[in-house]
Amino acid sequence: MEDRWLSVDQIADHLGIKRDTVYRWIEERQMPGHKIGRLWKFNKQEVDEWVRGGGADDKRRQKYPDKKER
């Protein structure tokens, strides 16, 4: 059952981050997710590939020093 869609809480747990960080990464770092109605759902493989590709890397923030954390 590896193909199931994960919720915000489940993907946050998988990545070891807080749910607020998931929402921030969707907005600021284009974290791959799919909105179904009001809910965000995530494909674990897509998110893992995004992380491996540097999507969650803090060094990316250095390119935009004016962008502040919320």
Protein backbone atom coordinates (compact mmCIF):
# COMPACT_ATOMS: atom_id res chain seq x y z
CA MET A 1 0.00 0.00 0.00
CA GLU A 2 2.95 2.31 -0.72
CA ASP A 3 0.98 4.29 -3.33
CA ARG A 4 -1.43 5.91 -0.88
CA TRP A 5 -1.59 9.68 -0.53
CA LEU A 6 -0.23 11.20 2.68
CA SER A 7 -1.79 14.03 4.67
CA VAL A 8 0.05 17.13 5.90
CA ASP A 9 0.59 15.52 9.30
CA GLN A 10 1.85 12.28 7.77
CA ILE A 11 4.32 13.97 5.40
CA ALA A 12 5.53 16.23 8.21
CA ASP A 13 6.13 13.14 10.36
CA HIS A 14 7.91 11.40 7.47
CA LEU A 15 10.24 14.38 7.02
CA GLY A 16 10.64 15.09 10.74
CA ILE A 17 9.29 18.63 10.49
CA LYS A 18 6.29 20.54 11.82
CA ARG A 19 3.07 20.85 9.85
CA ASP A 20 3.51 24.65 9.65
CA THR A 21 6.80 24.05 7.84
CA VAL A 22 4.99 21.89 5.27
CA TYR A 23 2.59 24.74 4.46
CA ARG A 24 5.48 27.22 4.28
CA TRP A 25 7.47 24.94 1.96
CA ILE A 26 4.44 24.53 -0.32
CA GLU A 27 4.20 28.31 -0.65
CA GLU A 28 7.86 29.36 -0.60
CA ARG A 29 9.76 26.37 -1.98
CA GLN A 30 7.21 24.74 -4.30
CA MET A 31 7.07 21.51 -2.32
CA PRO A 32 5.13 19.03 -4.46
CA GLY A 33 1.62 18.54 -3.16
CA HIS A 34 -1.87 18.23 -4.56
CA LYS A 35 -4.84 20.10 -3.19
CA ILE A 36 -7.97 17.99 -3.06
CA GLY A 37 -10.81 20.23 -1.95
CA ARG A 38 -9.47 21.95 1.15
CA LEU A 39 -6.93 19.23 1.92
CA TRP A 40 -3.33 18.89 0.79
CA LYS A 41 -2.20 15.39 -0.16
CA PHE A 42 1.33 14.24 -0.93
CA ASN A 43 2.94 11.44 -2.87
CA LYS A 44 5.84 10.24 -0.71
CA GLN A 45 8.02 9.44 -3.74
CA GLU A 46 7.50 12.93 -5.26
CA VAL A 47 8.39 14.60 -1.97
CA ASP A 48 11.45 12.38 -1.45
CA GLU A 49 12.69 13.25 -4.96
CA TRP A 50 12.10 16.97 -4.27
CA VAL A 51 14.14 16.72 -1.05
CA ARG A 52 16.95 14.83 -2.81
CA GLY A 53 16.96 17.48 -5.52
CA GLY A 54 17.62 20.21 -2.96
CA GLY A 55 14.10 21.55 -2.56
CA ALA A 56 14.32 21.56 1.22
CA ASP A 57 17.92 22.82 1.34
CA ASP A 58 18.42 25.90 3.54
CA LYS A 59 21.15 27.12 1.19
CA ARG A 60 18.46 28.01 -1.36
CA ARG A 61 17.32 30.73 1.03
CA GLN A 62 20.69 32.46 0.65
CA LYS A 63 19.79 33.32 -2.95
CA TYR A 64 16.93 35.45 -1.59
CA PRO A 65 18.32 37.12 1.54
CA ASP A 66 15.39 39.56 1.74
CA LYS A 67 12.89 36.73 2.18
CA LYS A 68 12.12 36.35 5.87
CA GLU A 69 10.94 33.34 7.82
CA ARG A 70 7.41 33.52 9.14
